[in-house]
Every structure is written in structure tokens, then in C-alpha cells.
Amino acid sequence: MRKRGIVSIVILTIITCGIYMFVAMYQIYSDVNYAARETDTALTDVLLSIVTCGLWSLYCYYKYSKKLSALGAEDNALINVLLGIFGFGLISLCIMQNSINNLIDKGMA
């Protein structure tokens, strides 16, 4: 897992008109899968999110939030799904990245 700046995710997503959000999704999902020692592919989740116009991403917000909570982070699954439903998926990704950063600071990941 890698510590990343949350502000840089937001700024790059705004500058690239949302394209960087998919890169951030891939990075976050890959980090969580690596830390959880699972073989799920983050690329499949990102592509399915694009193809389904964001519906799959709601499931991914839940799934990866639960994986983070199993690693020792706070359980934000419901908050992340609700933010995704109301169109604030970027904030959900920022919350997940913050959880990753906190796990790295605690030495749990």
C-alpha cells in the first residue's frame, strides 16, 4: 500500500474532468487487494464501473470499504455507498485513501 495525497486526487480529478478518478480508483482498489492478500483485479472493477455508468462502483465502494475495515480501518461502507448514490464518489475514494493513509501511519499495512 502506498500513502497518497488526498488533495492531489481531488485537484487532478478536477483538472482532467474526471478521468483521473478512474486512475485513483484503480490505485486504491489495487492497494486494498494487495494489503488484504486477495487476487481480485482492480482493473475489472474499474472497467465494470465505466461500462455500467457507475452502478458497479457503488458495489465497489461497499466491498473495498469492508476490506479496509477488516484490515483495521474504520467501517465507512454505508457512508461511501450513500455518497456514491448522491454523486459524490470522489469523496468516497478520498475517504478510502484516508483510511489507507491512517493504516500506514499506524503500521498496520
Protein backbone atom coordinates (compact mmCIF):
# COMPACT_ATOMS: atom_id res chain seq x y z
CA MET A 1 0.00 0.00 0.00
CA ARG A 2 1.11 3.49 -0.74
CA LYS A 3 0.40 6.75 1.01
CA ARG A 4 -1.10 9.29 -1.40
CA GLY A 5 -2.25 12.86 -1.02
CA ILE A 6 -5.99 13.33 -0.93
CA VAL A 7 -5.80 16.91 -2.19
CA SER A 8 -3.83 15.78 -5.23
CA ILE A 9 -6.54 13.24 -6.08
CA VAL A 10 -9.20 15.95 -5.97
CA ILE A 11 -7.16 18.51 -7.94
CA LEU A 12 -6.10 16.04 -10.63
CA THR A 13 -9.67 14.81 -11.00
CA ILE A 14 -10.90 18.38 -11.49
CA ILE A 15 -8.11 19.27 -13.93
CA THR A 16 -8.69 16.14 -16.06
CA CYS A 17 -12.50 16.50 -15.99
CA GLY A 18 -12.96 13.29 -14.01
CA ILE A 19 -10.62 10.99 -15.91
CA TYR A 20 -8.09 10.81 -13.06
CA MET A 21 -10.84 9.47 -10.80
CA PHE A 22 -10.61 6.14 -12.64
CA VAL A 23 -6.84 6.07 -12.11
CA ALA A 24 -7.37 6.79 -8.41
CA MET A 25 -9.98 4.03 -8.23
CA TYR A 26 -7.52 1.56 -9.73
CA GLN A 27 -4.72 2.61 -7.37
CA ILE A 28 -6.89 2.45 -4.25
CA TYR A 29 -8.53 -0.85 -5.18
CA SER A 30 -5.14 -2.39 -6.03
CA ASP A 31 -3.67 -1.25 -2.72
CA VAL A 32 -6.57 -2.70 -0.74
CA ASN A 33 -6.41 -6.00 -2.61
CA TYR A 34 -2.66 -6.20 -2.04
CA ALA A 35 -2.99 -5.49 1.69
CA ALA A 36 -5.85 -7.98 2.04
CA ARG A 37 -3.82 -10.56 0.11
CA GLU A 38 -6.64 -11.14 -2.32
CA THR A 39 -6.46 -11.85 -6.02
CA ASP A 40 -9.37 -9.64 -7.09
CA THR A 41 -8.43 -7.47 -10.04
CA ALA A 42 -8.92 -3.76 -9.63
CA LEU A 43 -8.93 -3.26 -13.39
CA THR A 44 -12.07 -5.37 -13.75
CA ASP A 45 -13.85 -3.31 -11.11
CA VAL A 46 -12.86 -0.04 -12.78
CA LEU A 47 -13.93 -1.24 -16.24
CA LEU A 48 -17.25 -2.53 -14.91
CA SER A 49 -17.80 0.81 -13.20
CA ILE A 50 -17.31 2.58 -16.53
CA VAL A 51 -19.49 0.16 -18.51
CA THR A 52 -22.37 0.26 -16.01
CA CYS A 53 -22.26 4.07 -15.80
CA GLY A 54 -21.23 3.99 -12.16
CA LEU A 55 -23.60 1.39 -10.74
CA TRP A 56 -20.81 -1.14 -10.21
CA SER A 57 -18.80 1.49 -8.39
CA LEU A 58 -21.46 1.59 -5.65
CA TYR A 59 -20.81 -2.10 -5.01
CA CYS A 60 -17.06 -1.45 -5.11
CA TYR A 61 -17.34 1.34 -2.55
CA TYR A 62 -19.04 -1.13 -0.23
CA LYS A 63 -16.72 -4.05 -0.99
CA TYR A 64 -13.46 -2.16 -0.59
CA SER A 65 -14.66 -0.28 2.49
CA LYS A 66 -15.43 -3.62 4.12
CA LYS A 67 -11.98 -4.92 3.14
CA LEU A 68 -10.40 -1.84 4.72
CA SER A 69 -12.41 -2.33 7.88
CA ALA A 70 -11.20 -5.94 8.04
CA LEU A 71 -7.66 -4.58 7.88
CA GLY A 72 -8.30 -2.38 10.91
CA ALA A 73 -9.69 0.84 9.48
CA GLU A 74 -12.97 2.44 10.46
CA ASP A 75 -16.03 0.95 8.73
CA ASN A 76 -17.23 3.62 6.28
CA ALA A 77 -19.10 1.32 3.90
CA LEU A 78 -22.54 2.87 4.36
CA ILE A 79 -21.21 6.42 4.14
CA ASN A 80 -19.26 5.63 0.98
CA VAL A 81 -22.24 3.99 -0.72
CA LEU A 82 -24.55 6.89 0.19
CA LEU A 83 -22.02 9.40 -1.11
CA GLY A 84 -21.78 7.40 -4.33
CA ILE A 85 -25.56 7.31 -4.72
CA PHE A 86 -25.77 11.09 -4.38
CA GLY A 87 -22.97 11.67 -6.90
CA PHE A 88 -20.05 12.23 -4.56
CA GLY A 89 -17.99 9.16 -5.47
CA LEU A 90 -14.81 11.20 -5.41
CA ILE A 91 -15.34 11.87 -1.72
CA SER A 92 -15.80 8.13 -1.16
CA LEU A 93 -12.44 7.50 -2.81
CA CYS A 94 -10.86 10.20 -0.65
CA ILE A 95 -12.29 8.57 2.48
CA MET A 96 -10.85 5.21 1.41
CA GLN A 97 -7.45 6.78 0.67
CA ASN A 98 -7.54 8.46 4.07
CA SER A 99 -8.19 5.07 5.67
CA ILE A 100 -5.22 3.63 3.78
CA ASN A 101 -3.02 6.53 4.91
CA ASN A 102 -4.14 6.02 8.52
CA LEU A 103 -3.38 2.29 8.35
CA ILE A 104 0.10 3.06 7.02
CA ASP A 105 0.67 5.59 9.83
CA LYS A 106 -0.38 3.01 12.41
CA GLY A 107 1.92 0.44 10.85
CA MET A 108 -0.92 -1.98 10.20
CA ALA A 109 -0.36 -2.15 6.45
